[in-house]
PDB file of all heavy atoms in Angstrom:
ATOM      1  N   LEU A   1      15.423   7.607  21.537  1.00  0.00           N
ATOM      2  CA  LEU A   1      14.705   8.396  20.541  1.00  0.00           C
ATOM      3  C   LEU A   1      14.288   7.532  19.351  1.00  0.00           C
ATOM      4  O   LEU A   1      13.149   7.606  18.878  1.00  0.00           O
ATOM      5  CB  LEU A   1      15.577   9.559  20.065  1.00  0.00           C
ATOM      6  CG  LEU A   1      14.963  10.465  18.980  1.00  0.00           C
ATOM      7  CD1 LEU A   1      13.672  11.097  19.506  1.00  0.00           C
ATOM      8  CD2 LEU A   1      15.950  11.523  18.549  1.00  0.00           C
ATOM      9  N   ILE A   2      15.201   6.687  18.872  1.00  0.00           N
ATOM     10  CA  ILE A   2      14.895   5.789  17.748  1.00  0.00           C
ATOM     11  C   ILE A   2      13.772   4.836  18.112  1.00  0.00           C
ATOM     12  O   ILE A   2      12.840   4.596  17.337  1.00  0.00           O
ATOM     13  CB  ILE A   2      16.154   5.009  17.322  1.00  0.00           C
ATOM     14  CG1 ILE A   2      17.196   5.968  16.723  1.00  0.00           C
ATOM     15  CG2 ILE A   2      15.796   3.922  16.304  1.00  0.00           C
ATOM     16  CD1 ILE A   2      18.534   5.318  16.453  1.00  0.00           C
ATOM     17  N   LEU A   3      13.823   4.285  19.336  1.00  0.00           N
ATOM     18  CA  LEU A   3      12.797   3.349  19.790  1.00  0.00           C
ATOM     19  C   LEU A   3      11.443   4.037  19.892  1.00  0.00           C
ATOM     20  O   LEU A   3      10.406   3.481  19.508  1.00  0.00           O
ATOM     21  CB  LEU A   3      13.195   2.754  21.143  1.00  0.00           C
ATOM     22  CG  LEU A   3      12.218   1.731  21.748  1.00  0.00           C
ATOM     23  CD1 LEU A   3      12.067   0.539  20.810  1.00  0.00           C
ATOM     24  CD2 LEU A   3      12.706   1.285  23.124  1.00  0.00           C
ATOM     25  N   ALA A   4      11.445   5.279  20.387  1.00  0.00           N
ATOM     26  CA  ALA A   4      10.194   6.018  20.533  1.00  0.00           C
ATOM     27  C   ALA A   4       9.555   6.282  19.173  1.00  0.00           C
ATOM     28  O   ALA A   4       8.341   6.151  19.002  1.00  0.00           O
ATOM     29  CB  ALA A   4      10.446   7.330  21.265  1.00  0.00           C
ATOM     30  N   VAL A   5      10.372   6.663  18.177  1.00  0.00           N
ATOM     31  CA  VAL A   5       9.856   6.912  16.834  1.00  0.00           C
ATOM     32  C   VAL A   5       9.271   5.640  16.250  1.00  0.00           C
ATOM     33  O   VAL A   5       8.195   5.642  15.632  1.00  0.00           O
ATOM     34  CB  VAL A   5      10.962   7.475  15.916  1.00  0.00           C
ATOM     35  CG1 VAL A   5      10.491   7.510  14.475  1.00  0.00           C
ATOM     36  CG2 VAL A   5      11.366   8.864  16.376  1.00  0.00           C
ATOM     37  N   PHE A   6       9.961   4.519  16.443  1.00  0.00           N
ATOM     38  CA  PHE A   6       9.492   3.243  15.912  1.00  0.00           C
ATOM     39  C   PHE A   6       8.158   2.835  16.541  1.00  0.00           C
ATOM     40  O   PHE A   6       7.209   2.464  15.851  1.00  0.00           O
ATOM     41  CB  PHE A   6      10.539   2.160  16.169  1.00  0.00           C
ATOM     42  CG  PHE A   6      10.074   0.771  15.813  1.00  0.00           C
ATOM     43  CD1 PHE A   6       9.994   0.374  14.486  1.00  0.00           C
ATOM     44  CD2 PHE A   6       9.688  -0.120  16.803  1.00  0.00           C
ATOM     45  CE1 PHE A   6       9.558  -0.889  14.145  1.00  0.00           C
ATOM     46  CE2 PHE A   6       9.246  -1.375  16.470  1.00  0.00           C
ATOM     47  CZ  PHE A   6       9.185  -1.774  15.139  1.00  0.00           C
ATOM     48  N   LEU A   7       8.067   2.951  17.874  1.00  0.00           N
ATOM     49  CA  LEU A   7       6.848   2.543  18.563  1.00  0.00           C
ATOM     50  C   LEU A   7       5.671   3.450  18.211  1.00  0.00           C
ATOM     51  O   LEU A   7       4.526   3.009  18.155  1.00  0.00           O
ATOM     52  CB  LEU A   7       7.084   2.557  20.083  1.00  0.00           C
ATOM     53  CG  LEU A   7       8.056   1.491  20.614  1.00  0.00           C
ATOM     54  CD1 LEU A   7       8.278   1.671  22.105  1.00  0.00           C
ATOM     55  CD2 LEU A   7       7.535   0.085  20.316  1.00  0.00           C
ATOM     56  N   PHE A   8       5.971   4.730  17.951  1.00  0.00           N
ATOM     57  CA  PHE A   8       4.916   5.668  17.579  1.00  0.00           C
ATOM     58  C   PHE A   8       4.357   5.354  16.196  1.00  0.00           C
ATOM     59  O   PHE A   8       3.167   5.437  15.956  1.00  0.00           O
ATOM     60  CB  PHE A   8       5.452   7.105  17.608  1.00  0.00           C
ATOM     61  CG  PHE A   8       4.434   8.127  17.169  1.00  0.00           C
ATOM     62  CD1 PHE A   8       3.422   8.536  18.023  1.00  0.00           C
ATOM     63  CD2 PHE A   8       4.487   8.669  15.887  1.00  0.00           C
ATOM     64  CE1 PHE A   8       2.475   9.468  17.618  1.00  0.00           C
ATOM     65  CE2 PHE A   8       3.549   9.587  15.480  1.00  0.00           C
ATOM     66  CZ  PHE A   8       2.535   9.994  16.345  1.00  0.00           C
ATOM     67  N   SER A   9       5.251   4.956  15.283  1.00  0.00           N
ATOM     68  CA  SER A   9       4.815   4.714  13.904  1.00  0.00           C
ATOM     69  C   SER A   9       4.224   3.329  13.714  1.00  0.00           C
ATOM     70  O   SER A   9       3.474   3.101  12.764  1.00  0.00           O
ATOM     71  CB  SER A   9       5.998   4.883  12.934  1.00  0.00           C
ATOM     72  OG  SER A   9       7.007   3.928  13.213  1.00  0.00           O
ATOM     73  N   LEU A  10       4.513   2.392  14.606  1.00  0.00           N
ATOM     74  CA  LEU A  10       4.060   1.018  14.445  1.00  0.00           C
ATOM     75  C   LEU A  10       2.536   0.882  14.358  1.00  0.00           C
ATOM     76  O   LEU A  10       2.023   0.208  13.467  1.00  0.00           O
ATOM     77  CB  LEU A  10       4.615   0.140  15.572  1.00  0.00           C
ATOM     78  CG  LEU A  10       4.347  -1.365  15.465  1.00  0.00           C
ATOM     79  CD1 LEU A  10       4.919  -1.910  14.164  1.00  0.00           C
ATOM     80  CD2 LEU A  10       4.919  -2.101  16.661  1.00  0.00           C
ATOM     81  N   PRO A  11       1.770   1.524  15.261  1.00  0.00           N
ATOM     82  CA  PRO A  11       0.318   1.399  15.150  1.00  0.00           C
ATOM     83  C   PRO A  11      -0.225   1.948  13.838  1.00  0.00           C
ATOM     84  O   PRO A  11      -1.168   1.409  13.275  1.00  0.00           O
ATOM     85  CB  PRO A  11      -0.196   2.214  16.344  1.00  0.00           C
ATOM     86  CG  PRO A  11       0.940   2.261  17.297  1.00  0.00           C
ATOM     87  CD  PRO A  11       2.165   2.299  16.434  1.00  0.00           C
ATOM     88  N   LEU A  12       0.367   3.034  13.348  1.00  0.00           N
ATOM     89  CA  LEU A  12      -0.079   3.613  12.087  1.00  0.00           C
ATOM     90  C   LEU A  12       0.165   2.652  10.937  1.00  0.00           C
ATOM     91  O   LEU A  12      -0.685   2.462  10.064  1.00  0.00           O
ATOM     92  CB  LEU A  12       0.645   4.939  11.821  1.00  0.00           C
ATOM     93  CG  LEU A  12       0.360   6.054  12.841  1.00  0.00           C
ATOM     94  CD1 LEU A  12       1.184   7.284  12.482  1.00  0.00           C
ATOM     95  CD2 LEU A  12      -1.122   6.401  12.882  1.00  0.00           C
ATOM     96  N   PHE A  13       1.345   2.009  10.943  1.00  0.00           N
ATOM     97  CA  PHE A  13       1.670   1.044   9.892  1.00  0.00           C
ATOM     98  C   PHE A  13       0.728  -0.147   9.955  1.00  0.00           C
ATOM     99  O   PHE A  13       0.248  -0.648   8.946  1.00  0.00           O
ATOM    100  CB  PHE A  13       3.118   0.586  10.034  1.00  0.00           C
ATOM    101  CG  PHE A  13       3.496  -0.503   9.074  1.00  0.00           C
ATOM    102  CD1 PHE A  13       3.769  -0.201   7.754  1.00  0.00           C
ATOM    103  CD2 PHE A  13       3.553  -1.822   9.484  1.00  0.00           C
ATOM    104  CE1 PHE A  13       4.099  -1.198   6.849  1.00  0.00           C
ATOM    105  CE2 PHE A  13       3.891  -2.819   8.582  1.00  0.00           C
ATOM    106  CZ  PHE A  13       4.171  -2.506   7.272  1.00  0.00           C
ATOM    107  N   ALA A  14       0.443  -0.591  11.183  1.00  0.00           N
ATOM    108  CA  ALA A  14      -0.399  -1.768  11.360  1.00  0.00           C
ATOM    109  C   ALA A  14      -1.820  -1.525  10.862  1.00  0.00           C
ATOM    110  O   ALA A  14      -2.522  -2.452  10.492  1.00  0.00           O
ATOM    111  CB  ALA A  14      -0.421  -2.176  12.834  1.00  0.00           C
ATOM    112  N   GLN A  15      -2.248  -0.252  10.847  1.00  0.00           N
ATOM    113  CA  GLN A  15      -3.596   0.057  10.421  1.00  0.00           C
ATOM    114  C   GLN A  15      -3.687   0.352   8.921  1.00  0.00           C
ATOM    115  O   GLN A  15      -4.778   0.539   8.399  1.00  0.00           O
ATOM    116  CB  GLN A  15      -4.114   1.260  11.210  1.00  0.00           C
ATOM    117  CG  GLN A  15      -4.268   0.968  12.703  1.00  0.00           C
ATOM    118  CD  GLN A  15      -4.611   2.213  13.496  1.00  0.00           C
ATOM    119  OE1 GLN A  15      -4.956   3.241  12.922  1.00  0.00           O
ATOM    120  NE2 GLN A  15      -4.512   2.126  14.799  1.00  0.00           N
ATOM    121  N   THR A  16      -2.556   0.439   8.242  1.00  0.00           N
ATOM    122  CA  THR A  16      -2.574   0.731   6.814  1.00  0.00           C
ATOM    123  C   THR A  16      -3.095  -0.475   6.053  1.00  0.00           C
ATOM    124  O   THR A  16      -2.528  -1.560   6.141  1.00  0.00           O
ATOM    125  CB  THR A  16      -1.160   1.077   6.310  1.00  0.00           C
ATOM    126  OG1 THR A  16      -0.673   2.199   7.028  1.00  0.00           O
ATOM    127  CG2 THR A  16      -1.193   1.409   4.824  1.00  0.00           C
ATOM    128  N   PRO A  17      -4.190  -0.333   5.298  1.00  0.00           N
ATOM    129  CA  PRO A  17      -4.750  -1.495   4.592  1.00  0.00           C
ATOM    130  C   PRO A  17      -3.862  -1.924   3.432  1.00  0.00           C
ATOM    131  O   PRO A  17      -3.185  -1.113   2.809  1.00  0.00           O
ATOM    132  CB  PRO A  17      -6.100  -0.972   4.089  1.00  0.00           C
ATOM    133  CG  PRO A  17      -5.908   0.504   3.947  1.00  0.00           C
ATOM    134  CD  PRO A  17      -4.965   0.889   5.064  1.00  0.00           C
ATOM    135  N   PHE A  18      -3.860  -3.200   3.168  1.00  0.00           N
ATOM    136  CA  PHE A  18      -3.176  -3.735   1.989  1.00  0.00           C
ATOM    137  C   PHE A  18      -4.075  -4.800   1.385  1.00  0.00           C
ATOM    138  O   PHE A  18      -4.592  -5.664   2.095  1.00  0.00           O
ATOM    139  CB  PHE A  18      -1.829  -4.361   2.347  1.00  0.00           C
ATOM    140  CG  PHE A  18      -1.153  -4.968   1.144  1.00  0.00           C
ATOM    141  CD1 PHE A  18      -0.342  -4.200   0.341  1.00  0.00           C
ATOM    142  CD2 PHE A  18      -1.372  -6.291   0.791  1.00  0.00           C
ATOM    143  CE1 PHE A  18       0.262  -4.745  -0.782  1.00  0.00           C
ATOM    144  CE2 PHE A  18      -0.776  -6.841  -0.330  1.00  0.00           C
ATOM    145  CZ  PHE A  18       0.048  -6.067  -1.114  1.00  0.00           C
ATOM    146  N   PRO A  19      -4.263  -4.773   0.077  1.00  0.00           N
ATOM    147  CA  PRO A  19      -3.763  -3.750  -0.838  1.00  0.00           C
ATOM    148  C   PRO A  19      -4.605  -2.481  -0.791  1.00  0.00           C
ATOM    149  O   PRO A  19      -5.717  -2.505  -0.255  1.00  0.00           O
ATOM    150  CB  PRO A  19      -3.893  -4.419  -2.212  1.00  0.00           C
ATOM    151  CG  PRO A  19      -5.067  -5.329  -2.035  1.00  0.00           C
ATOM    152  CD  PRO A  19      -4.995  -5.838  -0.619  1.00  0.00           C
ATOM    153  N   GLU A  20      -4.084  -1.421  -1.356  1.00  0.00           N
ATOM    154  CA  GLU A  20      -4.861  -0.197  -1.442  1.00  0.00           C
ATOM    155  C   GLU A  20      -6.031  -0.409  -2.402  1.00  0.00           C
ATOM    156  O   GLU A  20      -5.969  -1.256  -3.286  1.00  0.00           O
ATOM    157  CB  GLU A  20      -3.981   0.954  -1.933  1.00  0.00           C
ATOM    158  CG  GLU A  20      -2.873   1.332  -0.958  1.00  0.00           C
ATOM    159  CD  GLU A  20      -2.055   2.504  -1.445  1.00  0.00           C
ATOM    160  OE1 GLU A  20      -2.395   3.060  -2.512  1.00  0.00           O
ATOM    161  OE2 GLU A  20      -1.097   2.871  -0.763  1.00  0.00           O
ATOM    162  N   PRO A  21      -7.110   0.359  -2.254  1.00  0.00           N
ATOM    163  CA  PRO A  21      -8.238   0.236  -3.187  1.00  0.00           C
ATOM    164  C   PRO A  21      -7.795   0.483  -4.627  1.00  0.00           C
ATOM    165  O   PRO A  21      -6.818   1.191  -4.868  1.00  0.00           O
ATOM    166  CB  PRO A  21      -9.203   1.323  -2.704  1.00  0.00           C
ATOM    167  CG  PRO A  21      -8.828   1.569  -1.277  1.00  0.00           C
ATOM    168  CD  PRO A  21      -7.353   1.352  -1.201  1.00  0.00           C
ATOM    169  N   TRP A  22      -8.526  -0.103  -5.572  1.00  0.00           N
ATOM    170  CA  TRP A  22      -8.218   0.139  -6.977  1.00  0.00           C
ATOM    171  C   TRP A  22      -8.279   1.639  -7.263  1.00  0.00           C
ATOM    172  O   TRP A  22      -9.196   2.312  -6.808  1.00  0.00           O
ATOM    173  CB  TRP A  22      -9.236  -0.544  -7.881  1.00  0.00           C
ATOM    174  CG  TRP A  22      -9.217  -2.037  -7.893  1.00  0.00           C
ATOM    175  CD1 TRP A  22     -10.121  -2.862  -7.295  1.00  0.00           C
ATOM    176  CD2 TRP A  22      -8.274  -2.896  -8.542  1.00  0.00           C
ATOM    177  NE1 TRP A  22      -9.801  -4.172  -7.532  1.00  0.00           N
ATOM    178  CE2 TRP A  22      -8.672  -4.228  -8.305  1.00  0.00           C
ATOM    179  CE3 TRP A  22      -7.131  -2.656  -9.313  1.00  0.00           C
ATOM    180  CZ2 TRP A  22      -7.977  -5.318  -8.803  1.00  0.00           C
ATOM    181  CZ3 TRP A  22      -6.436  -3.748  -9.813  1.00  0.00           C
ATOM    182  CH2 TRP A  22      -6.851  -5.052  -9.556  1.00  0.00           C
ATOM    183  N   PRO A  23      -7.347   2.175  -8.034  1.00  0.00           N
ATOM    184  CA  PRO A  23      -7.462   3.570  -8.475  1.00  0.00           C
ATOM    185  C   PRO A  23      -8.715   3.759  -9.317  1.00  0.00           C
ATOM    186  O   PRO A  23      -9.209   2.828  -9.947  1.00  0.00           O
ATOM    187  CB  PRO A  23      -6.186   3.784  -9.312  1.00  0.00           C
ATOM    188  CG  PRO A  23      -5.241   2.730  -8.837  1.00  0.00           C
ATOM    189  CD  PRO A  23      -6.094   1.555  -8.460  1.00  0.00           C
ATOM    190  N   LYS A  24      -9.247   4.954  -9.301  1.00  0.00           N
ATOM    191  CA  LYS A  24     -10.492   5.226 -10.017  1.00  0.00           C
ATOM    192  C   LYS A  24     -10.254   5.364 -11.521  1.00  0.00           C
ATOM    193  O   LYS A  24      -9.194   5.787 -11.968  1.00  0.00           O
ATOM    194  CB  LYS A  24     -11.125   6.514  -9.479  1.00  0.00           C
ATOM    195  CG  LYS A  24     -11.486   6.457  -7.998  1.00  0.00           C
ATOM    196  CD  LYS A  24     -12.603   5.457  -7.743  1.00  0.00           C
ATOM    197  CE  LYS A  24     -13.022   5.476  -6.276  1.00  0.00           C
ATOM    198  NZ  LYS A  24     -14.084   4.510  -5.985  1.00  0.00           N
ATOM    199  N   ALA A  25     -11.312   5.063 -12.270  1.00  0.00           N
ATOM    200  CA  ALA A  25     -11.378   5.329 -13.719  1.00  0.00           C
ATOM    201  C   ALA A  25     -10.172   4.795 -14.495  1.00  0.00           C
ATOM    202  O   ALA A  25      -9.558   5.497 -15.289  1.00  0.00           O
ATOM    203  CB  ALA A  25     -11.525   6.828 -13.961  1.00  0.00           C
ATOM    204  N   LEU A  26      -9.835   3.539 -14.261  1.00  0.00           N
ATOM    205  CA  LEU A  26      -8.720   2.944 -14.985  1.00  0.00           C
ATOM    206  C   LEU A  26      -9.199   2.304 -16.285  1.00  0.00           C
ATOM    207  O   LEU A  26     -10.299   1.765 -16.361  1.00  0.00           O
ATOM    208  CB  LEU A  26      -8.043   1.865 -14.132  1.00  0.00           C
ATOM    209  CG  LEU A  26      -7.235   2.343 -12.920  1.00  0.00           C
ATOM    210  CD1 LEU A  26      -6.621   1.139 -12.231  1.00  0.00           C
ATOM    211  CD2 LEU A  26      -6.153   3.313 -13.326  1.00  0.00           C
ATOM    212  N   VAL A  27      -8.357   2.349 -17.296  1.00  0.00           N
ATOM    213  CA  VAL A  27      -8.610   1.607 -18.526  1.00  0.00           C
ATOM    214  C   VAL A  27      -8.021   0.214 -18.335  1.00  0.00           C
ATOM    215  O   VAL A  27      -7.214  -0.003 -17.430  1.00  0.00           O
ATOM    216  CB  VAL A  27      -7.981   2.311 -19.747  1.00  0.00           C
ATOM    217  CG1 VAL A  27      -8.583   3.691 -19.921  1.00  0.00           C
ATOM    218  CG2 VAL A  27      -6.466   2.405 -19.601  1.00  0.00           C
ATOM    219  N   PRO A  28      -8.400  -0.778 -19.177  1.00  0.00           N
ATOM    220  CA  PRO A  28      -7.932  -2.152 -18.971  1.00  0.00           C
ATOM    221  C   PRO A  28      -6.420  -2.288 -18.798  1.00  0.00           C
ATOM    222  O   PRO A  28      -5.954  -3.021 -17.914  1.00  0.00           O
ATOM    223  CB  PRO A  28      -8.420  -2.861 -20.239  1.00  0.00           C
ATOM    224  CG  PRO A  28      -9.679  -2.136 -20.591  1.00  0.00           C
ATOM    225  CD  PRO A  28      -9.400  -0.700 -20.254  1.00  0.00           C
ATOM    226  N   GLN A  29      -5.624  -1.612 -19.624  1.00  0.00           N
ATOM    227  CA  GLN A  29      -4.173  -1.753 -19.525  1.00  0.00           C
ATOM    228  C   GLN A  29      -3.635  -1.234 -18.201  1.00  0.00           C
ATOM    229  O   GLN A  29      -2.659  -1.760 -17.657  1.00  0.00           O
ATOM    230  CB  GLN A  29      -3.489  -1.023 -20.688  1.00  0.00           C
ATOM    231  CG  GLN A  29      -1.989  -1.292 -20.798  1.00  0.00           C
ATOM    232  CD  GLN A  29      -1.662  -2.771 -21.014  1.00  0.00           C
ATOM    233  OE1 GLN A  29      -2.415  -3.489 -21.670  1.00  0.00           O
ATOM    234  NE2 GLN A  29      -0.533  -3.223 -20.485  1.00  0.00           N
ATOM    235  N   GLU A  30      -4.299  -0.231 -17.634  1.00  0.00           N
ATOM    236  CA  GLU A  30      -3.868   0.299 -16.332  1.00  0.00           C
ATOM    237  C   GLU A  30      -4.172  -0.692 -15.215  1.00  0.00           C
ATOM    238  O   GLU A  30      -3.422  -0.795 -14.237  1.00  0.00           O
ATOM    239  CB  GLU A  30      -4.536   1.642 -16.072  1.00  0.00           C
ATOM    240  CG  GLU A  30      -4.027   2.762 -16.968  1.00  0.00           C
ATOM    241  CD  GLU A  30      -4.798   4.056 -16.789  1.00  0.00           C
ATOM    242  OE1 GLU A  30      -6.040   3.991 -16.644  1.00  0.00           O
ATOM    243  OE2 GLU A  30      -4.173   5.119 -16.808  1.00  0.00           O
ATOM    244  N   TYR A  31      -5.261  -1.432 -15.361  1.00  0.00           N
ATOM    245  CA  TYR A  31      -5.525  -2.493 -14.389  1.00  0.00           C
ATOM    246  C   TYR A  31      -4.435  -3.561 -14.452  1.00  0.00           C
ATOM    247  O   TYR A  31      -4.009  -4.092 -13.417  1.00  0.00           O
ATOM    248  CB  TYR A  31      -6.893  -3.131 -14.655  1.00  0.00           C
ATOM    249  CG  TYR A  31      -8.043  -2.352 -14.071  1.00  0.00           C
ATOM    250  CD1 TYR A  31      -8.907  -1.650 -14.891  1.00  0.00           C
ATOM    251  CD2 TYR A  31      -8.259  -2.312 -12.696  1.00  0.00           C
ATOM    252  CE1 TYR A  31      -9.974  -0.926 -14.355  1.00  0.00           C
ATOM    253  CE2 TYR A  31      -9.309  -1.600 -12.153  1.00  0.00           C
ATOM    254  CZ  TYR A  31     -10.162  -0.905 -12.990  1.00  0.00           C
ATOM    255  OH  TYR A  31     -11.201  -0.185 -12.457  1.00  0.00           O
ATOM    256  N   TRP A  32      -4.002  -3.874 -15.650  1.00  0.00           N
ATOM    257  CA  TRP A  32      -2.920  -4.857 -15.806  1.00  0.00           C
ATOM    258  C   TRP A  32      -1.650  -4.368 -15.112  1.00  0.00           C
ATOM    259  O   TRP A  32      -0.971  -5.134 -14.427  1.00  0.00           O
ATOM    260  CB  TRP A  32      -2.678  -5.121 -17.285  1.00  0.00           C
ATOM    261  CG  TRP A  32      -1.515  -6.020 -17.582  1.00  0.00           C
ATOM    262  CD1 TRP A  32      -0.395  -5.718 -18.294  1.00  0.00           C
ATOM    263  CD2 TRP A  32      -1.355  -7.388 -17.186  1.00  0.00           C
ATOM    264  NE1 TRP A  32       0.446  -6.793 -18.374  1.00  0.00           N
ATOM    265  CE2 TRP A  32      -0.115  -7.843 -17.698  1.00  0.00           C
ATOM    266  CE3 TRP A  32      -2.146  -8.277 -16.454  1.00  0.00           C
ATOM    267  CZ2 TRP A  32       0.354  -9.132 -17.493  1.00  0.00           C
ATOM    268  CZ3 TRP A  32      -1.669  -9.580 -16.250  1.00  0.00           C
ATOM    269  CH2 TRP A  32      -0.433  -9.989 -16.762  1.00  0.00           C
ATOM    270  N   GLN A  33      -1.317  -3.097 -15.265  1.00  0.00           N
ATOM    271  CA  GLN A  33      -0.134  -2.551 -14.616  1.00  0.00           C
ATOM    272  C   GLN A  33      -0.277  -2.589 -13.094  1.00  0.00           C
ATOM    273  O   GLN A  33       0.690  -2.848 -12.374  1.00  0.00           O
ATOM    274  CB  GLN A  33       0.117  -1.117 -15.095  1.00  0.00           C
ATOM    275  CG  GLN A  33       0.532  -1.012 -16.558  1.00  0.00           C
ATOM    276  CD  GLN A  33       1.769  -1.836 -16.880  1.00  0.00           C
ATOM    277  OE1 GLN A  33       2.736  -1.871 -16.116  1.00  0.00           O
ATOM    278  NE2 GLN A  33       1.738  -2.530 -18.015  1.00  0.00           N
ATOM    279  N   THR A  34      -1.486  -2.357 -12.607  1.00  0.00           N
ATOM    280  CA  THR A  34      -1.721  -2.448 -11.165  1.00  0.00           C
ATOM    281  C   THR A  34      -1.525  -3.885 -10.680  1.00  0.00           C
ATOM    282  O   THR A  34      -0.947  -4.125  -9.609  1.00  0.00           O
ATOM    283  CB  THR A  34      -3.146  -1.973 -10.827  1.00  0.00           C
ATOM    284  OG1 THR A  34      -3.301  -0.614 -11.251  1.00  0.00           O
ATOM    285  CG2 THR A  34      -3.403  -2.048  -9.329  1.00  0.00           C
ATOM    286  N   LEU A  35      -1.982  -4.849 -11.477  1.00  0.00           N
ATOM    287  CA  LEU A  35      -1.767  -6.253 -11.123  1.00  0.00           C
ATOM    288  C   LEU A  35      -0.280  -6.586 -11.075  1.00  0.00           C
ATOM    289  O   LEU A  35       0.177  -7.321 -10.189  1.00  0.00           O
ATOM    290  CB  LEU A  35      -2.467  -7.160 -12.135  1.00  0.00           C
ATOM    291  CG  LEU A  35      -3.994  -7.159 -12.135  1.00  0.00           C
ATOM    292  CD1 LEU A  35      -4.523  -8.041 -13.263  1.00  0.00           C
ATOM    293  CD2 LEU A  35      -4.548  -7.631 -10.793  1.00  0.00           C
ATOM    294  N   LEU A  36       0.486  -6.054 -12.015  1.00  0.00           N
ATOM    295  CA  LEU A  36       1.929  -6.325 -12.039  1.00  0.00           C
ATOM    296  C   LEU A  36       2.624  -5.688 -10.845  1.00  0.00           C
ATOM    297  O   LEU A  36       3.602  -6.234 -10.316  1.00  0.00           O
ATOM    298  CB  LEU A  36       2.538  -5.809 -13.348  1.00  0.00           C
ATOM    299  CG  LEU A  36       2.110  -6.549 -14.621  1.00  0.00           C
ATOM    300  CD1 LEU A  36       2.849  -5.980 -15.830  1.00  0.00           C
ATOM    301  CD2 LEU A  36       2.354  -8.051 -14.504  1.00  0.00           C
ATOM    302  N   THR A  37       2.131  -4.545 -10.397  1.00  0.00           N
ATOM    303  CA  THR A  37       2.691  -3.919  -9.196  1.00  0.00           C
ATOM    304  C   THR A  37       2.458  -4.811  -7.985  1.00  0.00           C
ATOM    305  O   THR A  37       3.361  -5.032  -7.171  1.00  0.00           O
ATOM    306  CB  THR A  37       2.054  -2.539  -8.963  1.00  0.00           C
ATOM    307  OG1 THR A  37       2.355  -1.685 -10.058  1.00  0.00           O
ATOM    308  CG2 THR A  37       2.586  -1.905  -7.678  1.00  0.00           C
ATOM    309  N   GLY A  38       1.249  -5.353  -7.877  1.00  0.00           N
ATOM    310  CA  GLY A  38       0.969  -6.288  -6.792  1.00  0.00           C
ATOM    311  C   GLY A  38       1.796  -7.551  -6.909  1.00  0.00           C
ATOM    312  O   GLY A  38       2.249  -8.111  -5.903  1.00  0.00           O
ATOM    313  N   ASN A  39       2.009  -8.005  -8.138  1.00  0.00           N
ATOM    314  CA  ASN A  39       2.820  -9.190  -8.360  1.00  0.00           C
ATOM    315  C   ASN A  39       4.259  -8.983  -7.913  1.00  0.00           C
ATOM    316  O   ASN A  39       4.901  -9.886  -7.366  1.00  0.00           O
ATOM    317  CB  ASN A  39       2.769  -9.589  -9.835  1.00  0.00           C
ATOM    318  CG  ASN A  39       3.614 -10.802 -10.160  1.00  0.00           C
ATOM    319  OD1 ASN A  39       4.535 -10.738 -10.976  1.00  0.00           O
ATOM    320  ND2 ASN A  39       3.337 -11.930  -9.525  1.00  0.00           N
ATOM    321  N   ALA A  40       4.785  -7.773  -8.115  1.00  0.00           N
ATOM    322  CA  ALA A  40       6.156  -7.468  -7.682  1.00  0.00           C
ATOM    323  C   ALA A  40       6.267  -7.554  -6.161  1.00  0.00           C
ATOM    324  O   ALA A  40       7.272  -8.050  -5.621  1.00  0.00           O
ATOM    325  CB  ALA A  40       6.562  -6.079  -8.174  1.00  0.00           C
ATOM    326  N   THR A  41       5.234  -7.098  -5.451  1.00  0.00           N
ATOM    327  CA  THR A  41       5.223  -7.201  -3.994  1.00  0.00           C
ATOM    328  C   THR A  41       5.173  -8.664  -3.567  1.00  0.00           C
ATOM    329  O   THR A  41       5.865  -9.084  -2.640  1.00  0.00           O
ATOM    330  CB  THR A  41       4.015  -6.446  -3.409  1.00  0.00           C
ATOM    331  OG1 THR A  41       4.028  -5.096  -3.875  1.00  0.00           O
ATOM    332  CG2 THR A  41       4.053  -6.437  -1.890  1.00  0.00           C
TER     333      THR A  41
END
């Protein structure tokens, strides 16, 4: 059961884009926070 769940979710994970698109209508400081989030990754 565990293996089946893993194999089912794997294609979905593989198709998830990284990074996500920029959030809409951000002010400059919010862009900086988004950059820091990416930096943490």
